[in-house]
């Protein structure tokens, strides 16, 4: 049975691991594609989206079921709780019966062209198409938003800071050129062995 597909409003992405799956905190769990979406609390479309997702929770679980502590995949932002709500998207990678691994979400650009594989950096503006996985546990019930497709409307490249940028070149050992690794006391006429 096909699940309903929902779409988020356009919003800022954070910690997007949508190209390659990443290890979860619990290493016994499979790798997963994940992304956080930052919804402004003062945005009408964002608030309508969250209210619609609360309605989906009731449609899936009923109004009398107890929601687990993490039953909603959103919460206030740690740094700006009065300004932003963070919505979490996650879909685990699984192995099929034939041994192949599942694919992650399909990613397209603003013109719906296939993505070029570049890592999506914080601050990129995206729309996420997702389905809802509902779950029920001993501590209550909840739902997980599983990303199926992502449209990148405004792209901010992921930039990794090189920790060696602060170093200056100095005289000393080098791994290139002649005499590499030739720093021994033998230069003083002493035998090492």
N, C-alpha and C. Protein backbone atom coordinates (compact mmCIF):
# COMPACT_ATOMS: atom_id res chain seq x y z
N UNK A 1 0.84 -1.18 0.00
CA UNK A 1 0.00 0.00 0.00
C UNK A 1 0.89 1.25 0.00
N UNK A 2 0.65 2.13 -0.91
CA UNK A 2 1.45 3.36 -1.01
C UNK A 2 1.05 4.32 0.10
N UNK A 3 2.05 4.95 0.66
CA UNK A 3 1.80 5.94 1.71
C UNK A 3 1.57 7.31 1.08
N UNK A 4 0.82 8.14 1.79
CA UNK A 4 0.61 9.51 1.34
C UNK A 4 1.93 10.26 1.38
N UNK A 5 2.13 11.13 0.40
CA UNK A 5 3.32 11.99 0.36
C UNK A 5 2.89 13.40 0.77
N UNK A 6 3.65 13.98 1.71
CA UNK A 6 3.42 15.34 2.18
C UNK A 6 4.60 16.20 1.76
N UNK A 7 4.40 17.51 1.73
CA UNK A 7 5.48 18.43 1.37
C UNK A 7 5.58 19.53 2.41
N UNK A 8 6.80 19.88 2.73
CA UNK A 8 7.04 20.95 3.69
C UNK A 8 6.96 22.30 2.97
N UNK A 9 6.80 23.37 3.73
CA UNK A 9 7.01 24.68 3.12
C UNK A 9 8.50 24.86 2.86
N UNK A 10 8.84 25.81 2.01
CA UNK A 10 10.24 26.15 1.75
C UNK A 10 10.86 26.63 3.05
N UNK A 11 11.99 26.04 3.44
CA UNK A 11 12.63 26.41 4.71
C UNK A 11 14.12 26.09 4.64
N UNK A 12 14.82 26.57 5.65
CA UNK A 12 16.27 26.40 5.73
C UNK A 12 16.63 25.03 6.27
N UNK A 13 17.58 24.38 5.59
CA UNK A 13 18.06 23.06 6.01
C UNK A 13 19.27 23.21 6.93
N UNK A 14 19.38 22.25 7.84
CA UNK A 14 20.55 22.20 8.72
C UNK A 14 20.92 20.73 8.90
N UNK A 15 22.21 20.45 8.93
CA UNK A 15 22.76 19.10 9.13
C UNK A 15 22.16 18.12 8.12
N UNK A 16 22.16 18.52 6.85
CA UNK A 16 21.60 17.66 5.80
C UNK A 16 22.60 16.56 5.42
N UNK A 17 22.20 15.34 5.64
CA UNK A 17 22.96 14.17 5.20
C UNK A 17 22.05 13.43 4.23
N UNK A 18 21.91 13.99 3.04
CA UNK A 18 20.95 13.49 2.07
C UNK A 18 21.62 12.83 0.86
N UNK A 19 22.91 13.08 0.67
CA UNK A 19 23.64 12.48 -0.46
C UNK A 19 24.05 11.06 -0.09
N UNK A 20 24.72 10.91 1.02
CA UNK A 20 25.15 9.61 1.53
C UNK A 20 24.56 9.41 2.93
N UNK A 21 24.16 8.20 3.27
CA UNK A 21 23.64 7.98 4.63
C UNK A 21 24.76 8.09 5.65
N UNK A 22 24.41 8.42 6.87
CA UNK A 22 25.42 8.55 7.92
C UNK A 22 25.11 7.59 9.05
N UNK A 23 26.13 7.31 9.86
CA UNK A 23 25.94 6.46 11.02
C UNK A 23 25.07 7.18 12.03
N UNK A 24 24.20 6.45 12.70
CA UNK A 24 23.40 7.02 13.76
C UNK A 24 24.18 6.94 15.06
N UNK A 25 23.72 7.64 16.09
CA UNK A 25 24.40 7.61 17.38
C UNK A 25 24.51 6.19 17.91
N UNK A 26 23.45 5.43 17.76
CA UNK A 26 23.46 4.02 18.13
C UNK A 26 24.00 3.25 16.93
N UNK A 27 25.26 2.81 17.01
CA UNK A 27 25.92 2.16 15.86
C UNK A 27 25.31 0.82 15.50
N UNK A 28 24.46 0.27 16.38
CA UNK A 28 23.81 -0.99 16.04
C UNK A 28 22.66 -0.77 15.05
N UNK A 29 22.23 0.47 14.90
CA UNK A 29 21.16 0.80 13.95
C UNK A 29 21.77 1.05 12.57
N UNK A 30 20.98 0.87 11.51
CA UNK A 30 21.52 1.09 10.16
C UNK A 30 21.82 2.57 9.90
N UNK A 31 22.67 2.81 8.90
CA UNK A 31 22.91 4.18 8.48
C UNK A 31 21.60 4.80 8.03
N UNK A 32 21.52 6.14 8.04
CA UNK A 32 20.28 6.80 7.66
C UNK A 32 20.57 8.12 6.95
N UNK A 33 19.63 8.51 6.09
CA UNK A 33 19.64 9.84 5.48
C UNK A 33 18.84 10.74 6.41
N UNK A 34 19.41 11.88 6.77
CA UNK A 34 18.75 12.76 7.74
C UNK A 34 18.86 14.21 7.32
N UNK A 35 17.97 15.02 7.85
CA UNK A 35 18.00 16.46 7.62
C UNK A 35 17.11 17.13 8.67
N UNK A 36 17.56 18.27 9.16
CA UNK A 36 16.73 19.11 10.02
C UNK A 36 16.25 20.28 9.19
N UNK A 37 14.99 20.65 9.38
CA UNK A 37 14.40 21.79 8.68
C UNK A 37 14.02 22.82 9.74
N UNK A 38 14.41 24.07 9.52
CA UNK A 38 14.15 25.14 10.49
C UNK A 38 12.92 25.94 10.06
N UNK A 39 11.85 25.80 10.82
CA UNK A 39 10.61 26.52 10.52
C UNK A 39 10.47 27.72 11.44
N UNK A 40 10.34 28.93 10.87
CA UNK A 40 10.16 30.13 11.70
C UNK A 40 8.80 30.09 12.41
N UNK A 41 8.81 30.38 13.70
CA UNK A 41 7.57 30.35 14.48
C UNK A 41 6.60 31.46 14.08
N UNK A 42 7.10 32.50 13.45
CA UNK A 42 6.22 33.61 13.05
C UNK A 42 5.73 33.49 11.61
N UNK A 43 5.99 32.33 10.95
CA UNK A 43 5.60 32.12 9.57
C UNK A 43 4.28 31.35 9.52
N UNK A 44 3.28 31.90 8.88
CA UNK A 44 1.95 31.30 8.84
C UNK A 44 1.96 29.93 8.15
N UNK A 45 2.69 29.81 7.02
CA UNK A 45 2.75 28.52 6.31
C UNK A 45 3.41 27.44 7.18
N UNK A 46 4.45 27.84 7.90
CA UNK A 46 5.15 26.89 8.76
C UNK A 46 4.23 26.41 9.89
N UNK A 47 3.51 27.32 10.49
CA UNK A 47 2.61 26.94 11.58
C UNK A 47 1.44 26.11 11.07
N UNK A 48 0.92 26.42 9.89
CA UNK A 48 -0.15 25.61 9.29
C UNK A 48 0.34 24.19 9.01
N UNK A 49 1.59 24.07 8.57
CA UNK A 49 2.18 22.76 8.31
C UNK A 49 2.23 21.94 9.60
N UNK A 50 2.70 22.54 10.70
CA UNK A 50 2.79 21.81 11.97
C UNK A 50 1.41 21.40 12.48
N UNK A 51 0.42 22.27 12.33
CA UNK A 51 -0.94 21.92 12.74
C UNK A 51 -1.48 20.76 11.91
N UNK A 52 -1.19 20.77 10.62
CA UNK A 52 -1.62 19.68 9.74
C UNK A 52 -0.95 18.36 10.16
N UNK A 53 0.31 18.43 10.61
CA UNK A 53 1.01 17.22 11.04
C UNK A 53 0.46 16.71 12.37
N UNK A 54 0.01 17.61 13.24
CA UNK A 54 -0.66 17.18 14.47
C UNK A 54 -1.95 16.44 14.12
N UNK A 55 -2.68 16.94 13.11
CA UNK A 55 -3.89 16.25 12.64
C UNK A 55 -3.55 14.87 12.09
N UNK A 56 -2.43 14.74 11.40
CA UNK A 56 -2.01 13.44 10.88
C UNK A 56 -1.72 12.47 12.02
N UNK A 57 -1.13 12.98 13.09
CA UNK A 57 -0.86 12.14 14.26
C UNK A 57 -2.17 11.56 14.79
N UNK A 58 -3.19 12.40 14.92
CA UNK A 58 -4.50 11.95 15.41
C UNK A 58 -5.13 10.97 14.42
N UNK A 59 -4.98 11.24 13.12
CA UNK A 59 -5.52 10.33 12.11
C UNK A 59 -4.84 8.95 12.18
N UNK A 60 -3.56 8.93 12.48
CA UNK A 60 -2.81 7.67 12.55
C UNK A 60 -3.04 6.91 13.85
N UNK A 61 -3.11 7.64 14.97
CA UNK A 61 -3.12 7.01 16.28
C UNK A 61 -4.41 7.19 17.07
N UNK A 62 -5.26 8.10 16.64
CA UNK A 62 -6.46 8.39 17.42
C UNK A 62 -6.16 9.47 18.46
N UNK A 63 -7.18 10.04 19.01
CA UNK A 63 -6.97 11.15 19.95
C UNK A 63 -6.73 10.67 21.38
N UNK A 64 -6.96 9.40 21.66
CA UNK A 64 -6.82 8.91 23.03
C UNK A 64 -5.47 8.25 23.32
N UNK A 65 -4.72 7.94 22.28
CA UNK A 65 -3.43 7.29 22.50
C UNK A 65 -2.43 8.27 23.10
N UNK A 66 -1.57 7.73 23.95
CA UNK A 66 -0.56 8.56 24.59
C UNK A 66 0.62 8.75 23.64
N UNK A 67 0.97 10.02 23.44
CA UNK A 67 2.11 10.35 22.58
C UNK A 67 3.39 10.15 23.38
N UNK A 68 4.36 9.48 22.78
CA UNK A 68 5.67 9.29 23.40
C UNK A 68 6.37 10.65 23.54
N UNK A 69 7.35 10.69 24.41
CA UNK A 69 8.09 11.94 24.64
C UNK A 69 8.64 12.51 23.33
N UNK A 70 9.11 11.64 22.46
CA UNK A 70 9.63 12.08 21.16
C UNK A 70 8.69 11.64 20.04
N UNK A 71 7.39 11.67 20.31
CA UNK A 71 6.39 11.21 19.36
C UNK A 71 6.21 12.12 18.16
N UNK A 72 6.45 13.42 18.36
CA UNK A 72 6.43 14.37 17.24
C UNK A 72 7.88 14.56 16.79
N UNK A 73 8.15 14.53 15.49
CA UNK A 73 9.52 14.73 15.02
C UNK A 73 9.90 16.22 14.92
N UNK A 74 9.41 17.03 15.81
CA UNK A 74 9.80 18.44 15.86
C UNK A 74 9.85 18.90 17.30
N UNK A 75 10.66 19.95 17.50
CA UNK A 75 10.83 20.53 18.83
C UNK A 75 11.39 21.94 18.67
N UNK A 76 11.33 22.75 19.73
CA UNK A 76 11.92 24.09 19.65
C UNK A 76 13.43 24.00 19.43
N UNK A 77 13.98 24.94 18.67
CA UNK A 77 15.42 25.01 18.44
C UNK A 77 16.13 25.28 19.76
N UNK A 78 17.28 24.66 19.99
CA UNK A 78 18.02 24.84 21.24
C UNK A 78 18.49 26.28 21.42
N UNK A 79 18.98 26.90 20.34
CA UNK A 79 19.55 28.24 20.45
C UNK A 79 18.51 29.35 20.36
N UNK A 80 17.44 29.12 19.58
CA UNK A 80 16.41 30.15 19.39
C UNK A 80 15.02 29.52 19.55
N UNK A 81 14.68 29.04 20.76
CA UNK A 81 13.42 28.32 20.93
C UNK A 81 12.18 29.17 20.69
N UNK A 82 12.26 30.45 20.88
CA UNK A 82 11.07 31.29 20.65
C UNK A 82 10.93 31.69 19.18
N UNK A 83 11.99 31.47 18.38
CA UNK A 83 11.98 31.87 16.98
C UNK A 83 11.84 30.72 15.99
N UNK A 84 12.39 29.55 16.34
CA UNK A 84 12.46 28.45 15.37
C UNK A 84 11.97 27.13 15.94
N UNK A 85 11.36 26.33 15.07
CA UNK A 85 11.02 24.95 15.37
C UNK A 85 11.83 24.07 14.43
N UNK A 86 12.49 23.06 14.99
CA UNK A 86 13.32 22.15 14.20
C UNK A 86 12.51 20.89 13.91
N UNK A 87 12.36 20.58 12.62
CA UNK A 87 11.65 19.38 12.20
C UNK A 87 12.70 18.39 11.68
N UNK A 88 12.66 17.18 12.22
CA UNK A 88 13.65 16.15 11.89
C UNK A 88 13.09 15.18 10.86
N UNK A 89 13.90 14.90 9.83
CA UNK A 89 13.56 13.93 8.80
C UNK A 89 14.61 12.84 8.83
N UNK A 90 14.17 11.58 8.75
CA UNK A 90 15.12 10.47 8.80
C UNK A 90 14.53 9.25 8.12
N UNK A 91 15.31 8.64 7.25
CA UNK A 91 14.92 7.35 6.66
C UNK A 91 16.15 6.44 6.69
N UNK A 92 16.01 5.26 7.32
CA UNK A 92 17.15 4.35 7.41
C UNK A 92 17.42 3.62 6.09
N UNK A 93 18.68 3.30 5.89
CA UNK A 93 19.06 2.47 4.75
C UNK A 93 18.81 1.02 5.14
N UNK A 94 18.32 0.21 4.20
CA UNK A 94 18.09 -1.20 4.51
C UNK A 94 18.59 -2.05 3.37
N UNK A 95 18.81 -3.32 3.69
CA UNK A 95 19.26 -4.27 2.68
C UNK A 95 18.05 -5.03 2.16
N UNK A 96 17.94 -5.06 0.83
CA UNK A 96 16.83 -5.77 0.19
C UNK A 96 17.11 -7.28 0.19
N UNK A 97 16.09 -8.03 -0.17
CA UNK A 97 16.23 -9.49 -0.22
C UNK A 97 17.32 -9.93 -1.19
N UNK A 98 17.51 -9.15 -2.28
CA UNK A 98 18.53 -9.51 -3.27
C UNK A 98 19.93 -9.08 -2.84
N UNK A 99 20.05 -8.46 -1.66
CA UNK A 99 21.35 -8.05 -1.14
C UNK A 99 21.72 -6.62 -1.44
N UNK A 100 20.98 -5.95 -2.33
CA UNK A 100 21.29 -4.56 -2.66
C UNK A 100 20.80 -3.64 -1.52
N UNK A 101 21.36 -2.45 -1.47
CA UNK A 101 20.98 -1.48 -0.44
C UNK A 101 19.97 -0.49 -1.01
N UNK A 102 19.08 -0.03 -0.16
CA UNK A 102 18.07 0.95 -0.57
C UNK A 102 18.73 2.28 -0.91
N UNK A 103 18.05 3.04 -1.76
CA UNK A 103 18.55 4.36 -2.14
C UNK A 103 17.97 5.40 -1.20
N UNK A 104 18.63 6.53 -1.16
CA UNK A 104 18.16 7.65 -0.36
C UNK A 104 17.13 8.47 -1.11
N UNK A 105 16.78 9.61 -0.54
CA UNK A 105 15.79 10.47 -1.20
C UNK A 105 16.30 10.98 -2.55
N UNK A 106 15.39 11.16 -3.47
CA UNK A 106 15.73 11.73 -4.77
C UNK A 106 15.89 13.24 -4.58
N UNK A 107 16.94 13.80 -5.13
CA UNK A 107 17.23 15.22 -4.95
C UNK A 107 17.22 15.90 -6.31
N UNK A 108 16.54 17.05 -6.39
CA UNK A 108 16.49 17.83 -7.62
C UNK A 108 16.79 19.29 -7.29
N UNK A 109 17.12 20.06 -8.33
CA UNK A 109 17.36 21.48 -8.14
C UNK A 109 16.05 22.25 -8.29
N UNK A 110 16.12 23.56 -8.33
CA UNK A 110 14.93 24.41 -8.41
C UNK A 110 14.13 24.15 -9.69
N UNK A 111 14.79 23.72 -10.77
CA UNK A 111 14.13 23.44 -12.04
C UNK A 111 13.79 21.95 -12.21
N UNK A 112 13.85 21.20 -11.12
CA UNK A 112 13.54 19.77 -11.08
C UNK A 112 14.52 18.92 -11.89
N UNK A 113 15.75 19.43 -12.05
CA UNK A 113 16.80 18.67 -12.72
C UNK A 113 17.52 17.82 -11.68
N UNK A 114 18.02 16.63 -12.05
CA UNK A 114 18.70 15.78 -11.09
C UNK A 114 19.88 16.50 -10.43
N UNK A 115 20.07 16.22 -9.15
CA UNK A 115 21.12 16.87 -8.37
C UNK A 115 22.48 16.38 -8.81
N UNK A 116 23.49 17.26 -8.73
CA UNK A 116 24.84 16.94 -9.19
C UNK A 116 25.69 16.22 -8.14
N UNK A 117 25.15 15.94 -6.98
CA UNK A 117 25.89 15.21 -5.96
C UNK A 117 26.61 16.07 -4.94
N UNK A 118 26.54 17.39 -5.07
CA UNK A 118 27.22 18.28 -4.13
C UNK A 118 26.54 18.20 -2.76
N UNK A 119 27.35 18.20 -1.70
CA UNK A 119 26.81 18.17 -0.35
C UNK A 119 26.02 19.45 -0.07
N UNK A 120 24.88 19.31 0.55
CA UNK A 120 23.99 20.43 0.82
C UNK A 120 24.36 21.03 2.17
N UNK A 121 24.77 22.30 2.16
CA UNK A 121 25.25 22.95 3.37
C UNK A 121 24.14 23.61 4.17
N UNK A 122 24.46 23.92 5.42
CA UNK A 122 23.54 24.64 6.29
C UNK A 122 23.16 25.96 5.63
N UNK A 123 21.89 26.32 5.74
CA UNK A 123 21.42 27.57 5.15
C UNK A 123 20.79 27.39 3.78
N UNK A 124 20.96 26.22 3.16
CA UNK A 124 20.29 25.95 1.90
C UNK A 124 18.78 25.97 2.15
N UNK A 125 18.02 26.45 1.16
CA UNK A 125 16.56 26.47 1.29
C UNK A 125 16.00 25.31 0.47
N UNK A 126 15.20 24.48 1.13
CA UNK A 126 14.70 23.26 0.49
C UNK A 126 13.21 23.05 0.77
N UNK A 127 12.61 22.20 -0.05
CA UNK A 127 11.28 21.67 0.18
C UNK A 127 11.46 20.16 0.24
N UNK A 128 10.91 19.52 1.27
CA UNK A 128 11.08 18.08 1.44
C UNK A 128 9.74 17.39 1.22
N UNK A 129 9.73 16.40 0.33
CA UNK A 129 8.57 15.52 0.15
C UNK A 129 8.85 14.28 1.01
N UNK A 130 7.88 13.90 1.83
CA UNK A 130 8.11 12.83 2.79
C UNK A 130 6.84 12.01 3.01
N UNK A 131 7.06 10.80 3.53
CA UNK A 131 5.92 10.04 4.02
C UNK A 131 6.09 9.89 5.53
N UNK A 132 5.04 9.40 6.17
CA UNK A 132 5.04 9.29 7.63
C UNK A 132 5.06 7.82 8.02
N UNK A 133 6.03 7.47 8.84
CA UNK A 133 6.08 6.14 9.44
C UNK A 133 5.53 6.28 10.85
N UNK A 134 4.41 5.61 11.13
CA UNK A 134 3.83 5.68 12.47
C UNK A 134 4.33 4.50 13.29
N UNK A 135 4.58 4.73 14.56
CA UNK A 135 5.09 3.67 15.43
C UNK A 135 4.39 3.73 16.79
N UNK A 136 4.42 2.60 17.44
CA UNK A 136 3.78 2.45 18.74
C UNK A 136 4.72 1.65 19.62
N UNK A 137 5.07 2.19 20.78
CA UNK A 137 5.98 1.51 21.69
C UNK A 137 5.41 1.48 23.10
N UNK A 138 6.19 0.90 24.00
CA UNK A 138 5.71 0.78 25.38
C UNK A 138 5.59 2.13 26.08
N UNK A 139 6.30 3.14 25.61
CA UNK A 139 6.25 4.47 26.21
C UNK A 139 5.34 5.43 25.45
N UNK A 140 4.55 4.92 24.55
CA UNK A 140 3.65 5.76 23.78
C UNK A 140 3.84 5.57 22.29
N UNK A 141 3.17 6.39 21.53
CA UNK A 141 3.23 6.27 20.07
C UNK A 141 3.81 7.54 19.46
N UNK A 142 4.11 7.45 18.18
CA UNK A 142 4.68 8.62 17.51
C UNK A 142 4.76 8.41 16.02
N UNK A 143 5.47 9.31 15.39
CA UNK A 143 5.64 9.24 13.94
C UNK A 143 7.02 9.76 13.56
N UNK A 144 7.52 9.23 12.46
CA UNK A 144 8.80 9.64 11.90
C UNK A 144 8.55 10.13 10.49
N UNK A 145 9.15 11.28 10.14
CA UNK A 145 9.03 11.82 8.79
C UNK A 145 10.18 11.26 7.96
N UNK A 146 9.86 10.49 6.90
CA UNK A 146 10.87 9.86 6.06
C UNK A 146 11.00 10.61 4.74
N UNK A 147 12.14 11.27 4.50
CA UNK A 147 12.30 12.03 3.26
C UNK A 147 12.34 11.11 2.05
N UNK A 148 11.56 11.45 1.02
CA UNK A 148 11.53 10.68 -0.22
C UNK A 148 12.10 11.47 -1.39
N UNK A 149 11.96 12.80 -1.33
CA UNK A 149 12.53 13.68 -2.37
C UNK A 149 12.80 15.03 -1.75
N UNK A 150 13.79 15.73 -2.30
CA UNK A 150 14.17 17.05 -1.81
C UNK A 150 14.39 17.95 -3.01
N UNK A 151 13.78 19.14 -2.97
CA UNK A 151 14.03 20.14 -4.00
C UNK A 151 14.87 21.24 -3.37
N UNK A 152 16.07 21.44 -3.91
CA UNK A 152 16.97 22.48 -3.40
C UNK A 152 16.68 23.75 -4.21
N UNK A 153 16.09 24.74 -3.54
CA UNK A 153 15.69 25.98 -4.20
C UNK A 153 16.81 27.02 -4.12
N UNK A 154 17.45 27.12 -2.95
CA UNK A 154 18.62 27.99 -2.78
C UNK A 154 19.73 27.13 -2.21
N UNK A 155 20.85 27.06 -2.93
CA UNK A 155 21.95 26.17 -2.55
C UNK A 155 23.07 26.92 -1.84
N UNK A 156 23.45 26.41 -0.68
CA UNK A 156 24.64 26.87 0.03
C UNK A 156 25.57 25.67 0.10
N UNK A 157 26.75 25.74 -0.54
CA UNK A 157 27.63 24.56 -0.52
C UNK A 157 28.14 24.26 0.89
N UNK A 158 28.30 22.99 1.15
CA UNK A 158 28.89 22.56 2.42
C UNK A 158 30.38 22.83 2.34
N UNK A 159 30.90 23.54 3.31
CA UNK A 159 32.33 23.85 3.33
C UNK A 159 32.93 23.32 4.61
N UNK A 160 33.91 22.47 4.43
CA UNK A 160 34.61 21.93 5.58
C UNK A 160 35.84 22.79 5.84
N UNK A 161 36.01 23.24 7.05
CA UNK A 161 37.14 24.08 7.42
C UNK A 161 38.38 23.21 7.53
N UNK A 162 39.47 23.64 6.87
CA UNK A 162 40.73 22.92 6.96
C UNK A 162 41.45 23.38 8.22
N UNK A 163 41.66 22.48 9.19
CA UNK A 163 42.29 22.89 10.45
C UNK A 163 43.75 23.32 10.30
N UNK A 164 44.38 23.04 9.13
CA UNK A 164 45.77 23.44 8.95
C UNK A 164 45.91 24.86 8.40
N UNK A 165 44.77 25.51 8.10
CA UNK A 165 44.83 26.86 7.53
C UNK A 165 45.58 27.87 8.41
N UNK A 166 45.61 27.66 9.71
CA UNK A 166 46.26 28.61 10.62
C UNK A 166 47.77 28.45 10.72
N UNK A 167 48.32 27.39 10.11
CA UNK A 167 49.77 27.16 10.18
C UNK A 167 50.50 28.01 9.15
N UNK A 168 51.75 28.40 9.47
CA UNK A 168 52.62 29.04 8.50
C UNK A 168 53.72 28.06 8.13
N UNK A 169 54.29 28.21 6.92
CA UNK A 169 55.40 27.35 6.54
C UNK A 169 56.63 27.77 7.34
N UNK A 170 57.34 26.77 7.89
CA UNK A 170 58.55 27.03 8.66
C UNK A 170 59.63 26.05 8.22
N UNK A 171 60.88 26.35 8.54
CA UNK A 171 61.97 25.43 8.24
C UNK A 171 61.85 24.22 9.14
N UNK A 172 62.09 23.02 8.57
CA UNK A 172 62.00 21.80 9.34
C UNK A 172 61.73 20.61 8.46
N UNK A 173 61.24 19.57 9.05
CA UNK A 173 60.99 18.32 8.37
C UNK A 173 59.96 18.50 7.26
N UNK A 174 60.20 17.83 6.13
CA UNK A 174 59.23 17.83 5.04
C UNK A 174 59.12 16.43 4.45
N UNK A 175 57.96 16.09 3.99
CA UNK A 175 57.74 14.77 3.39
C UNK A 175 58.06 14.76 1.91
N UNK A 176 58.41 15.90 1.34
CA UNK A 176 58.73 15.98 -0.08
C UNK A 176 60.15 16.47 -0.26
N UNK A 177 60.70 16.22 -1.42
CA UNK A 177 62.05 16.72 -1.74
C UNK A 177 63.12 15.77 -1.23
N UNK A 178 64.37 16.14 -1.48
CA UNK A 178 65.48 15.28 -1.07
C UNK A 178 65.72 15.41 0.43
N UNK A 179 66.17 14.34 0.99
CA UNK A 179 66.48 14.34 2.42
C UNK A 179 65.24 14.21 3.28
N UNK A 180 64.13 13.81 2.70
CA UNK A 180 62.91 13.66 3.50
C UNK A 180 63.13 12.65 4.60
N UNK A 181 62.84 13.06 5.79
CA UNK A 181 62.98 12.17 6.93
C UNK A 181 64.43 12.05 7.38
N UNK A 182 65.36 12.81 6.83
CA UNK A 182 66.78 12.70 7.14
C UNK A 182 67.14 13.70 8.23
N UNK A 183 66.69 13.49 9.43
CA UNK A 183 66.87 14.45 10.51
C UNK A 183 67.72 13.89 11.64
N UNK A 184 68.39 12.75 11.38
CA UNK A 184 69.04 11.99 12.44
C UNK A 184 70.31 12.66 12.96
N UNK A 185 70.76 12.14 14.08
CA UNK A 185 71.99 12.62 14.71
C UNK A 185 73.21 12.25 13.89
N UNK A 186 73.06 11.37 12.90
CA UNK A 186 74.17 10.96 12.04
C UNK A 186 74.72 12.18 11.31
N UNK A 187 73.93 13.25 11.17
CA UNK A 187 74.43 14.46 10.53
C UNK A 187 75.59 15.06 11.32
N UNK A 188 75.66 14.75 12.59
CA UNK A 188 76.73 15.28 13.43
C UNK A 188 77.95 14.36 13.47
N UNK A 189 77.95 13.36 12.61
CA UNK A 189 79.08 12.44 12.55
C UNK A 189 78.94 11.27 13.51
N UNK A 190 77.88 11.17 14.25
CA UNK A 190 77.68 10.07 15.20
C UNK A 190 76.97 8.91 14.50
N UNK A 191 77.32 7.71 14.92
CA UNK A 191 76.60 6.57 14.42
C UNK A 191 75.35 6.35 15.28
N UNK A 192 74.26 6.00 14.61
CA UNK A 192 73.02 5.77 15.35
C UNK A 192 72.97 4.38 15.97
N UNK A 193 73.54 3.40 15.29
CA UNK A 193 73.44 2.02 15.79
C UNK A 193 74.79 1.43 16.02
